[in-house]
């Protein structure tokens, strides 16, 4: 590694740490929104349903430092079958920064990104995390893959929680 590339790497890391420090207060408020909406609990309930066509893993909590800054909870799943490892899907609830913040329920596809498929190692890691074998991140999906979205309003959080649960129930109905 040359001195110049080493210097560039150091500068990149400094910028990344600054960006993370600036985004930390927003991250806390977005995480609070997901907590108030019981996002993780909703996804845990969806993941515990025994759906005949898919295997669910997770959920996990994820953060992105933007732009835009976001915080999310997602479970990952794949269709059953030997060759179905090629695509992994995320089902998640994301809070995205804005004025006011937006809450999104959506799905996202990730492509297999390893040189070889070893089932033993694959399933060991997949139960814990998905990013070992798949390209992409746990960020919010593009708007065309949103199943439900709303501007967060603390006064209407119970209604919004019901809308999230309805979107997750519709997803489960599609996968029965």
N, C-alpha and C. Protein backbone atom coordinates (compact mmCIF):
# COMPACT_ATOMS: atom_id res chain seq x y z
N UNK A 1 0.85 -1.17 0.00
CA UNK A 1 0.00 0.00 0.00
C UNK A 1 0.89 1.23 0.00
N UNK A 2 0.67 2.10 -0.93
CA UNK A 2 1.48 3.31 -1.02
C UNK A 2 1.06 4.30 0.06
N UNK A 3 1.94 5.26 0.30
CA UNK A 3 1.64 6.29 1.30
C UNK A 3 0.41 7.10 0.90
N UNK A 4 0.27 7.35 -0.40
CA UNK A 4 -0.86 8.14 -0.87
C UNK A 4 -2.19 7.41 -0.65
N UNK A 5 -2.23 6.13 -0.96
CA UNK A 5 -3.48 5.38 -0.76
C UNK A 5 -3.77 5.20 0.74
N UNK A 6 -2.72 5.08 1.52
CA UNK A 6 -2.90 4.99 2.97
C UNK A 6 -3.48 6.30 3.51
N UNK A 7 -2.96 7.41 3.03
CA UNK A 7 -3.46 8.73 3.44
C UNK A 7 -4.93 8.88 3.04
N UNK A 8 -5.29 8.47 1.83
CA UNK A 8 -6.69 8.56 1.38
C UNK A 8 -7.60 7.71 2.25
N UNK A 9 -7.13 6.54 2.65
CA UNK A 9 -7.92 5.67 3.52
C UNK A 9 -8.14 6.31 4.88
N UNK A 10 -7.12 6.95 5.42
CA UNK A 10 -7.24 7.63 6.72
C UNK A 10 -8.25 8.77 6.61
N UNK A 11 -8.16 9.56 5.56
CA UNK A 11 -9.10 10.67 5.35
C UNK A 11 -10.53 10.14 5.21
N UNK A 12 -10.70 9.05 4.48
CA UNK A 12 -12.04 8.46 4.30
C UNK A 12 -12.62 8.03 5.65
N UNK A 13 -11.80 7.41 6.48
CA UNK A 13 -12.27 6.97 7.80
C UNK A 13 -12.63 8.15 8.70
N UNK A 14 -11.85 9.21 8.63
CA UNK A 14 -12.15 10.41 9.42
C UNK A 14 -13.49 10.99 8.99
N UNK A 15 -13.72 11.09 7.70
CA UNK A 15 -15.00 11.61 7.19
C UNK A 15 -16.16 10.72 7.63
N UNK A 16 -15.95 9.41 7.57
CA UNK A 16 -17.00 8.47 7.96
C UNK A 16 -17.33 8.63 9.45
N UNK A 17 -16.33 8.78 10.29
CA UNK A 17 -16.57 8.95 11.73
C UNK A 17 -17.29 10.26 12.01
N UNK A 18 -16.94 11.32 11.30
CA UNK A 18 -17.65 12.60 11.46
C UNK A 18 -19.11 12.46 11.07
N UNK A 19 -19.33 11.81 9.94
CA UNK A 19 -20.70 11.61 9.46
C UNK A 19 -21.50 10.81 10.47
N UNK A 20 -20.91 9.78 11.05
CA UNK A 20 -21.60 8.97 12.05
C UNK A 20 -21.89 9.78 13.31
N UNK A 21 -20.94 10.60 13.73
CA UNK A 21 -21.15 11.42 14.93
C UNK A 21 -22.26 12.44 14.71
N UNK A 22 -22.31 13.03 13.51
CA UNK A 22 -23.37 14.00 13.20
C UNK A 22 -24.74 13.33 13.12
N UNK A 23 -24.77 12.09 12.67
CA UNK A 23 -26.04 11.39 12.50
C UNK A 23 -26.54 10.73 13.78
N UNK A 24 -25.71 10.63 14.80
CA UNK A 24 -26.09 9.90 16.01
C UNK A 24 -27.38 10.41 16.66
N UNK A 25 -27.58 11.73 16.83
CA UNK A 25 -28.85 12.17 17.42
C UNK A 25 -30.07 11.78 16.58
N UNK A 26 -29.94 11.87 15.26
CA UNK A 26 -31.04 11.44 14.39
C UNK A 26 -31.28 9.94 14.52
N UNK A 27 -30.19 9.17 14.62
CA UNK A 27 -30.31 7.73 14.78
C UNK A 27 -31.11 7.39 16.03
N UNK A 28 -30.83 8.09 17.11
CA UNK A 28 -31.53 7.83 18.37
C UNK A 28 -33.03 8.11 18.23
N UNK A 29 -33.38 9.22 17.60
CA UNK A 29 -34.81 9.54 17.46
C UNK A 29 -35.50 8.57 16.50
N UNK A 30 -34.83 8.16 15.43
CA UNK A 30 -35.43 7.20 14.50
C UNK A 30 -35.59 5.83 15.16
N UNK A 31 -34.61 5.44 15.95
CA UNK A 31 -34.73 4.19 16.70
C UNK A 31 -35.88 4.25 17.70
N UNK A 32 -36.08 5.42 18.30
CA UNK A 32 -37.21 5.61 19.22
C UNK A 32 -38.55 5.47 18.51
N UNK A 33 -38.62 5.96 17.29
CA UNK A 33 -39.86 5.83 16.50
C UNK A 33 -40.16 4.35 16.27
N UNK A 34 -39.16 3.59 15.86
CA UNK A 34 -39.38 2.16 15.63
C UNK A 34 -39.76 1.45 16.92
N UNK A 35 -39.18 1.89 18.02
CA UNK A 35 -39.51 1.30 19.32
C UNK A 35 -40.97 1.61 19.68
N UNK A 36 -41.40 2.84 19.47
CA UNK A 36 -42.78 3.22 19.77
C UNK A 36 -43.78 2.47 18.91
N UNK A 37 -43.37 2.09 17.71
CA UNK A 37 -44.26 1.35 16.81
C UNK A 37 -44.13 -0.17 16.98
N UNK A 38 -43.30 -0.61 17.93
CA UNK A 38 -43.06 -2.04 18.17
C UNK A 38 -42.63 -2.77 16.90
N UNK A 39 -41.76 -2.16 16.14
CA UNK A 39 -41.34 -2.72 14.85
C UNK A 39 -40.70 -4.09 15.01
N UNK A 40 -39.80 -4.22 15.95
CA UNK A 40 -39.10 -5.50 16.12
C UNK A 40 -40.07 -6.60 16.55
N UNK A 41 -40.99 -6.27 17.43
CA UNK A 41 -41.98 -7.25 17.89
C UNK A 41 -42.86 -7.71 16.74
N UNK A 42 -43.27 -6.78 15.88
CA UNK A 42 -44.09 -7.14 14.71
C UNK A 42 -43.35 -8.10 13.79
N UNK A 43 -42.07 -7.82 13.55
CA UNK A 43 -41.28 -8.69 12.68
C UNK A 43 -41.00 -10.04 13.32
N UNK A 44 -40.78 -10.05 14.63
CA UNK A 44 -40.58 -11.33 15.32
C UNK A 44 -41.82 -12.21 15.17
N UNK A 45 -43.00 -11.61 15.32
CA UNK A 45 -44.25 -12.38 15.17
C UNK A 45 -44.38 -12.92 13.75
N UNK A 46 -44.03 -12.09 12.76
CA UNK A 46 -44.11 -12.54 11.36
C UNK A 46 -43.11 -13.67 11.10
N UNK A 47 -41.92 -13.57 11.67
CA UNK A 47 -40.91 -14.59 11.45
C UNK A 47 -41.22 -15.92 12.12
N UNK A 48 -42.01 -15.88 13.18
CA UNK A 48 -42.36 -17.12 13.90
C UNK A 48 -43.46 -17.91 13.21
N UNK A 49 -44.18 -17.28 12.32
CA UNK A 49 -45.22 -18.00 11.58
C UNK A 49 -44.54 -19.03 10.69
N UNK A 50 -45.03 -20.21 10.68
CA UNK A 50 -44.46 -21.25 9.83
C UNK A 50 -45.09 -21.16 8.45
N UNK A 51 -44.40 -20.52 7.55
CA UNK A 51 -44.90 -20.36 6.19
C UNK A 51 -44.34 -21.49 5.32
N UNK A 52 -45.18 -22.17 4.56
CA UNK A 52 -44.74 -23.37 3.84
C UNK A 52 -43.75 -23.11 2.71
N UNK A 53 -43.71 -21.91 2.17
CA UNK A 53 -42.87 -21.66 0.99
C UNK A 53 -41.53 -21.02 1.32
N UNK A 54 -41.36 -20.49 2.54
CA UNK A 54 -40.15 -19.73 2.84
C UNK A 54 -39.56 -20.11 4.19
N UNK A 55 -38.27 -19.81 4.34
CA UNK A 55 -37.56 -19.90 5.62
C UNK A 55 -37.21 -18.49 6.05
N UNK A 56 -37.59 -18.11 7.27
CA UNK A 56 -37.32 -16.77 7.80
C UNK A 56 -36.20 -16.82 8.82
N UNK A 57 -35.41 -15.74 8.86
CA UNK A 57 -34.32 -15.60 9.81
C UNK A 57 -34.35 -14.18 10.36
N UNK A 58 -33.76 -13.99 11.53
CA UNK A 58 -33.73 -12.67 12.12
C UNK A 58 -34.89 -12.51 13.09
N UNK A 59 -35.32 -11.33 13.35
CA UNK A 59 -34.97 -10.05 12.74
C UNK A 59 -33.70 -9.45 13.35
N UNK A 60 -33.23 -8.43 12.68
CA UNK A 60 -32.07 -7.70 13.13
C UNK A 60 -32.35 -6.21 13.07
N UNK A 61 -31.51 -5.44 13.75
CA UNK A 61 -31.63 -3.98 13.77
C UNK A 61 -30.46 -3.42 12.99
N UNK A 62 -30.75 -2.44 12.13
CA UNK A 62 -29.74 -1.87 11.24
C UNK A 62 -29.83 -0.36 11.24
N UNK A 63 -28.71 0.29 10.89
CA UNK A 63 -28.65 1.75 10.82
C UNK A 63 -27.89 2.17 9.58
N UNK A 64 -28.26 3.30 9.05
CA UNK A 64 -27.54 3.88 7.93
C UNK A 64 -27.32 5.36 8.18
N UNK A 65 -26.15 5.84 7.81
CA UNK A 65 -25.78 7.20 8.13
C UNK A 65 -26.01 8.18 7.00
N UNK A 66 -26.62 7.69 5.93
CA UNK A 66 -27.15 8.57 4.92
C UNK A 66 -26.21 9.02 3.86
N UNK A 67 -26.67 9.99 3.16
CA UNK A 67 -28.01 10.55 3.28
C UNK A 67 -29.05 9.71 2.56
N UNK A 68 -30.26 9.63 3.00
CA UNK A 68 -30.76 10.11 4.28
C UNK A 68 -30.38 9.16 5.41
N UNK A 69 -30.40 9.68 6.62
CA UNK A 69 -30.15 8.85 7.80
C UNK A 69 -31.38 7.97 8.00
N UNK A 70 -31.16 6.72 8.33
CA UNK A 70 -32.28 5.80 8.55
C UNK A 70 -31.94 4.81 9.65
N UNK A 71 -32.98 4.23 10.20
CA UNK A 71 -32.85 3.15 11.17
C UNK A 71 -33.91 2.13 10.81
N UNK A 72 -33.59 0.85 10.92
CA UNK A 72 -34.55 -0.15 10.48
C UNK A 72 -34.45 -1.45 11.24
N UNK A 73 -35.51 -2.21 11.14
CA UNK A 73 -35.56 -3.58 11.66
C UNK A 73 -36.02 -4.44 10.49
N UNK A 74 -35.33 -5.55 10.28
CA UNK A 74 -35.67 -6.39 9.12
C UNK A 74 -35.46 -7.85 9.45
N UNK A 75 -36.28 -8.68 8.84
CA UNK A 75 -36.00 -10.11 8.84
C UNK A 75 -35.64 -10.48 7.42
N UNK A 76 -34.87 -11.53 7.28
CA UNK A 76 -34.45 -11.96 5.95
C UNK A 76 -35.01 -13.35 5.72
N UNK A 77 -35.37 -13.60 4.48
CA UNK A 77 -35.98 -14.89 4.16
C UNK A 77 -35.61 -15.31 2.76
N UNK A 78 -35.74 -16.60 2.52
CA UNK A 78 -35.50 -17.15 1.19
C UNK A 78 -36.55 -18.20 0.91
N UNK A 79 -36.78 -18.42 -0.34
CA UNK A 79 -37.72 -19.47 -0.74
C UNK A 79 -37.08 -20.83 -0.43
N UNK A 80 -37.89 -21.81 -0.17
CA UNK A 80 -37.37 -23.15 0.11
C UNK A 80 -36.94 -23.83 -1.17
N UNK A 81 -35.90 -24.61 -1.08
CA UNK A 81 -35.37 -25.33 -2.24
C UNK A 81 -33.87 -25.12 -2.33
N UNK A 82 -33.19 -26.10 -2.89
CA UNK A 82 -31.73 -26.08 -2.93
C UNK A 82 -31.17 -24.88 -3.70
N UNK A 83 -31.72 -24.58 -4.86
CA UNK A 83 -31.17 -23.51 -5.68
C UNK A 83 -31.73 -22.14 -5.34
N UNK A 84 -32.55 -22.06 -4.33
CA UNK A 84 -33.15 -20.78 -3.95
C UNK A 84 -32.21 -19.90 -3.14
N UNK A 85 -31.01 -20.36 -2.87
CA UNK A 85 -30.05 -19.54 -2.13
C UNK A 85 -29.59 -18.34 -2.95
N UNK A 86 -29.84 -18.35 -4.24
CA UNK A 86 -29.32 -17.29 -5.12
C UNK A 86 -29.91 -15.92 -4.83
N UNK A 87 -31.10 -15.89 -4.23
CA UNK A 87 -31.73 -14.61 -3.90
C UNK A 87 -32.23 -14.66 -2.46
N UNK A 88 -31.89 -13.64 -1.71
CA UNK A 88 -32.38 -13.48 -0.35
C UNK A 88 -33.26 -12.23 -0.34
N UNK A 89 -34.29 -12.26 0.45
CA UNK A 89 -35.23 -11.13 0.52
C UNK A 89 -35.20 -10.55 1.92
N UNK A 90 -35.35 -9.24 2.00
CA UNK A 90 -35.51 -8.57 3.29
C UNK A 90 -36.94 -8.08 3.39
N UNK A 91 -37.54 -8.25 4.53
CA UNK A 91 -38.83 -7.66 4.86
C UNK A 91 -38.55 -6.80 6.07
N UNK A 92 -38.82 -5.51 5.97
CA UNK A 92 -38.43 -4.65 7.07
C UNK A 92 -39.32 -3.45 7.28
N UNK A 93 -39.05 -2.80 8.39
CA UNK A 93 -39.70 -1.55 8.76
C UNK A 93 -38.58 -0.56 8.98
N UNK A 94 -38.62 0.54 8.25
CA UNK A 94 -37.56 1.55 8.32
C UNK A 94 -38.15 2.90 8.71
N UNK A 95 -37.42 3.63 9.53
CA UNK A 95 -37.73 5.03 9.82
C UNK A 95 -36.66 5.84 9.09
N UNK A 96 -37.10 6.75 8.24
CA UNK A 96 -36.18 7.52 7.40
C UNK A 96 -36.26 8.98 7.82
N UNK A 97 -35.09 9.60 7.98
CA UNK A 97 -35.05 10.99 8.45
C UNK A 97 -35.71 11.92 7.46
N UNK A 98 -36.26 12.95 7.97
CA UNK A 98 -36.92 13.97 7.18
C UNK A 98 -37.65 14.88 8.15
N UNK A 99 -38.33 15.81 7.60
CA UNK A 99 -39.10 16.71 8.45
C UNK A 99 -40.54 16.69 7.97
N UNK A 100 -41.38 15.87 8.50
CA UNK A 100 -41.23 14.89 9.57
C UNK A 100 -40.69 13.55 9.05
N UNK A 101 -40.28 12.67 9.96
CA UNK A 101 -39.75 11.37 9.55
C UNK A 101 -40.82 10.50 8.88
N UNK A 102 -40.37 9.62 8.01
CA UNK A 102 -41.27 8.71 7.29
C UNK A 102 -40.99 7.29 7.76
N UNK A 103 -42.05 6.52 7.94
CA UNK A 103 -41.94 5.11 8.30
C UNK A 103 -42.37 4.29 7.09
N UNK A 104 -41.57 3.29 6.74
CA UNK A 104 -41.78 2.50 5.53
C UNK A 104 -41.77 1.02 5.89
N UNK A 105 -42.70 0.27 5.31
CA UNK A 105 -42.67 -1.19 5.36
C UNK A 105 -42.43 -1.63 3.93
N UNK A 106 -41.43 -2.47 3.71
CA UNK A 106 -41.14 -2.88 2.34
C UNK A 106 -40.31 -4.14 2.27
N UNK A 107 -40.06 -4.56 1.05
CA UNK A 107 -39.23 -5.73 0.79
C UNK A 107 -38.10 -5.34 -0.15
N UNK A 108 -37.07 -6.14 -0.11
CA UNK A 108 -35.87 -5.85 -0.89
C UNK A 108 -35.20 -7.16 -1.24
N UNK A 109 -34.63 -7.25 -2.44
CA UNK A 109 -33.91 -8.45 -2.88
C UNK A 109 -32.41 -8.22 -2.79
N UNK A 110 -31.70 -9.27 -2.38
CA UNK A 110 -30.24 -9.25 -2.36
C UNK A 110 -29.73 -10.46 -3.12
N UNK A 111 -28.72 -10.26 -3.93
CA UNK A 111 -28.16 -11.34 -4.75
C UNK A 111 -27.02 -12.04 -4.02
N UNK A 112 -26.92 -13.35 -4.21
CA UNK A 112 -25.84 -14.15 -3.64
C UNK A 112 -24.52 -13.63 -4.18
N UNK A 113 -23.53 -13.47 -3.29
CA UNK A 113 -22.30 -12.81 -3.69
C UNK A 113 -21.06 -13.57 -3.22
N UNK A 114 -21.12 -14.86 -3.17
CA UNK A 114 -19.96 -15.65 -2.77
C UNK A 114 -19.49 -16.48 -3.96
N UNK A 115 -18.21 -16.82 -4.02
CA UNK A 115 -17.71 -17.58 -5.17
C UNK A 115 -18.25 -19.00 -5.25
N UNK A 116 -18.62 -19.57 -4.09
CA UNK A 116 -19.12 -20.95 -4.09
C UNK A 116 -20.19 -21.08 -3.02
N UNK A 117 -21.04 -22.07 -3.17
CA UNK A 117 -22.10 -22.34 -2.21
C UNK A 117 -21.74 -23.57 -1.40
N UNK A 118 -21.54 -23.39 -0.11
CA UNK A 118 -21.28 -24.48 0.82
C UNK A 118 -22.46 -24.49 1.80
N UNK A 119 -23.39 -25.44 1.67
CA UNK A 119 -24.61 -25.42 2.49
C UNK A 119 -24.36 -25.36 3.99
N UNK A 120 -23.37 -26.10 4.47
CA UNK A 120 -23.12 -26.14 5.91
C UNK A 120 -22.74 -24.76 6.44
N UNK A 121 -21.79 -24.13 5.81
CA UNK A 121 -21.37 -22.80 6.21
C UNK A 121 -22.47 -21.76 5.97
N UNK A 122 -23.13 -21.89 4.83
CA UNK A 122 -24.19 -20.95 4.45
C UNK A 122 -25.27 -20.88 5.53
N UNK A 123 -25.81 -22.03 5.92
CA UNK A 123 -26.90 -22.03 6.89
C UNK A 123 -26.43 -21.64 8.29
N UNK A 124 -25.20 -21.95 8.63
CA UNK A 124 -24.65 -21.51 9.91
C UNK A 124 -24.66 -19.99 9.99
N UNK A 125 -24.14 -19.32 8.96
CA UNK A 125 -24.05 -17.86 8.96
C UNK A 125 -25.41 -17.20 8.74
N UNK A 126 -26.25 -17.80 7.92
CA UNK A 126 -27.54 -17.18 7.59
C UNK A 126 -28.43 -17.04 8.82
N UNK A 127 -28.33 -17.93 9.76
CA UNK A 127 -29.14 -17.83 10.98
C UNK A 127 -28.75 -16.61 11.81
N UNK A 128 -27.54 -16.13 11.65
CA UNK A 128 -27.03 -15.03 12.46
C UNK A 128 -27.02 -13.69 11.74
N UNK A 129 -26.66 -13.71 10.46
CA UNK A 129 -26.56 -12.49 9.67
C UNK A 129 -26.62 -12.86 8.20
N UNK A 130 -26.96 -11.91 7.38
CA UNK A 130 -27.09 -12.21 5.95
C UNK A 130 -25.97 -11.64 5.11
N UNK A 131 -25.22 -10.69 5.63
CA UNK A 131 -24.26 -9.96 4.79
C UNK A 131 -22.98 -10.72 4.49
N UNK A 132 -22.82 -11.92 5.03
CA UNK A 132 -21.64 -12.73 4.70
C UNK A 132 -21.73 -13.21 3.25
N UNK A 133 -22.92 -13.59 2.82
CA UNK A 133 -23.09 -14.20 1.50
C UNK A 133 -23.84 -13.33 0.48
N UNK A 134 -24.35 -12.18 0.89
CA UNK A 134 -25.18 -11.40 -0.02
C UNK A 134 -24.68 -9.98 -0.18
N UNK A 135 -24.76 -9.51 -1.43
CA UNK A 135 -24.36 -8.14 -1.75
C UNK A 135 -25.51 -7.21 -1.41
N UNK A 136 -25.19 -6.03 -0.97
CA UNK A 136 -26.21 -5.06 -0.64
C UNK A 136 -26.23 -4.80 0.85
N UNK A 137 -27.09 -3.89 1.24
CA UNK A 137 -27.18 -3.55 2.65
C UNK A 137 -28.63 -3.68 3.12
N UNK A 138 -28.85 -3.35 4.36
CA UNK A 138 -30.19 -3.46 4.94
C UNK A 138 -30.92 -2.13 4.89
N UNK A 139 -30.50 -1.25 3.99
CA UNK A 139 -31.14 0.05 3.85
C UNK A 139 -32.55 -0.06 3.29
N UNK A 140 -33.29 1.02 3.37
CA UNK A 140 -34.67 1.00 2.88
C UNK A 140 -34.73 0.65 1.39
N UNK A 141 -35.78 -0.05 0.99
CA UNK A 141 -35.93 -0.38 -0.43
C UNK A 141 -36.35 0.85 -1.23
N UNK A 142 -36.24 0.78 -2.55
CA UNK A 142 -36.73 1.89 -3.37
C UNK A 142 -38.25 2.03 -3.22
N UNK A 143 -38.79 3.21 -3.45
CA UNK A 143 -40.23 3.45 -3.23
C UNK A 143 -41.17 2.49 -3.95
N UNK A 144 -40.78 1.95 -5.09
CA UNK A 144 -41.68 1.03 -5.79
C UNK A 144 -41.82 -0.31 -5.07
N UNK A 145 -40.99 -0.59 -4.08
CA UNK A 145 -41.08 -1.83 -3.31
C UNK A 145 -41.66 -1.61 -1.91
N UNK A 146 -42.16 -0.40 -1.65
CA UNK A 146 -42.80 -0.13 -0.37
C UNK A 146 -44.17 -0.77 -0.34
N UNK A 147 -44.48 -1.45 0.71
CA UNK A 147 -45.80 -2.06 0.90
C UNK A 147 -46.71 -1.11 1.67
N UNK A 148 -46.12 -0.23 2.43
CA UNK A 148 -46.86 0.72 3.25
C UNK A 148 -45.89 1.83 3.63
N UNK A 149 -46.34 3.06 3.62
CA UNK A 149 -45.51 4.15 4.11
C UNK A 149 -46.41 5.21 4.74
N UNK A 150 -45.85 5.91 5.70
CA UNK A 150 -46.62 6.92 6.42
C UNK A 150 -45.68 7.94 7.03
N UNK A 151 -46.18 9.14 7.19
CA UNK A 151 -45.44 10.16 7.93
C UNK A 151 -45.69 9.88 9.40
N UNK A 152 -44.61 9.77 10.16
CA UNK A 152 -44.77 9.40 11.57
C UNK A 152 -45.45 10.51 12.34
N UNK A 153 -46.46 10.12 13.11
CA UNK A 153 -47.20 11.05 13.96
C UNK A 153 -47.37 10.36 15.32
N UNK A 154 -46.70 10.85 16.37
CA UNK A 154 -46.79 10.19 17.67
C UNK A 154 -48.22 10.10 18.21
N UNK A 155 -49.06 11.06 17.87
CA UNK A 155 -50.44 11.05 18.35
C UNK A 155 -51.25 9.93 17.70
N UNK A 156 -50.82 9.44 16.54
CA UNK A 156 -51.54 8.39 15.82
C UNK A 156 -50.74 7.09 15.76
N UNK A 157 -49.87 6.90 16.72
CA UNK A 157 -48.97 5.75 16.62
C UNK A 157 -49.68 4.41 16.70
N UNK A 158 -50.80 4.32 17.43
CA UNK A 158 -51.53 3.04 17.49
C UNK A 158 -52.14 2.71 16.13
N UNK A 159 -52.69 3.71 15.46
CA UNK A 159 -53.23 3.50 14.10
C UNK A 159 -52.11 3.10 13.14
N UNK A 160 -50.97 3.76 13.30
CA UNK A 160 -49.84 3.45 12.42
C UNK A 160 -49.30 2.05 12.70
N UNK A 161 -49.30 1.64 13.95
CA UNK A 161 -48.88 0.28 14.29
C UNK A 161 -49.82 -0.73 13.64
N UNK A 162 -51.12 -0.45 13.67
CA UNK A 162 -52.10 -1.35 13.03
C UNK A 162 -51.88 -1.41 11.52
N UNK A 163 -51.53 -0.28 10.90
CA UNK A 163 -51.25 -0.28 9.46
C UNK A 163 -50.02 -1.13 9.15
N UNK A 164 -49.01 -1.06 10.01
CA UNK A 164 -47.81 -1.88 9.83
C UNK A 164 -48.17 -3.36 9.97
N UNK A 165 -48.93 -3.69 10.99
CA UNK A 165 -49.34 -5.08 11.19
C UNK A 165 -50.16 -5.59 10.02
N UNK A 166 -51.03 -4.73 9.46
CA UNK A 166 -51.83 -5.12 8.29
C UNK A 166 -50.94 -5.38 7.08
N UNK A 167 -49.92 -4.54 6.88
CA UNK A 167 -49.00 -4.74 5.75
C UNK A 167 -48.22 -6.04 5.92
N UNK A 168 -47.81 -6.35 7.14
CA UNK A 168 -47.09 -7.61 7.38
C UNK A 168 -48.02 -8.81 7.22
N UNK A 169 -49.26 -8.67 7.63
CA UNK A 169 -50.24 -9.75 7.47
C UNK A 169 -50.50 -10.00 5.98
N UNK A 170 -50.58 -8.93 5.19
CA UNK A 170 -50.77 -9.10 3.74
C UNK A 170 -49.58 -9.83 3.13
N UNK A 171 -48.37 -9.51 3.59
CA UNK A 171 -47.18 -10.21 3.11
C UNK A 171 -47.26 -11.70 3.45
N UNK A 172 -47.71 -12.00 4.70
CA UNK A 172 -47.82 -13.41 5.10
C UNK A 172 -48.87 -14.13 4.25
N UNK A 173 -49.97 -13.47 3.95
CA UNK A 173 -51.01 -14.09 3.11
C UNK A 173 -50.47 -14.43 1.73
N UNK A 174 -49.61 -13.58 1.19
CA UNK A 174 -49.01 -13.83 -0.13
C UNK A 174 -48.05 -15.01 -0.11
N UNK A 175 -47.50 -15.32 1.05
CA UNK A 175 -46.48 -16.37 1.16
C UNK A 175 -46.98 -17.64 1.83
N UNK A 176 -48.28 -17.79 1.95
CA UNK A 176 -48.84 -19.03 2.55
C UNK A 176 -48.97 -20.09 1.50
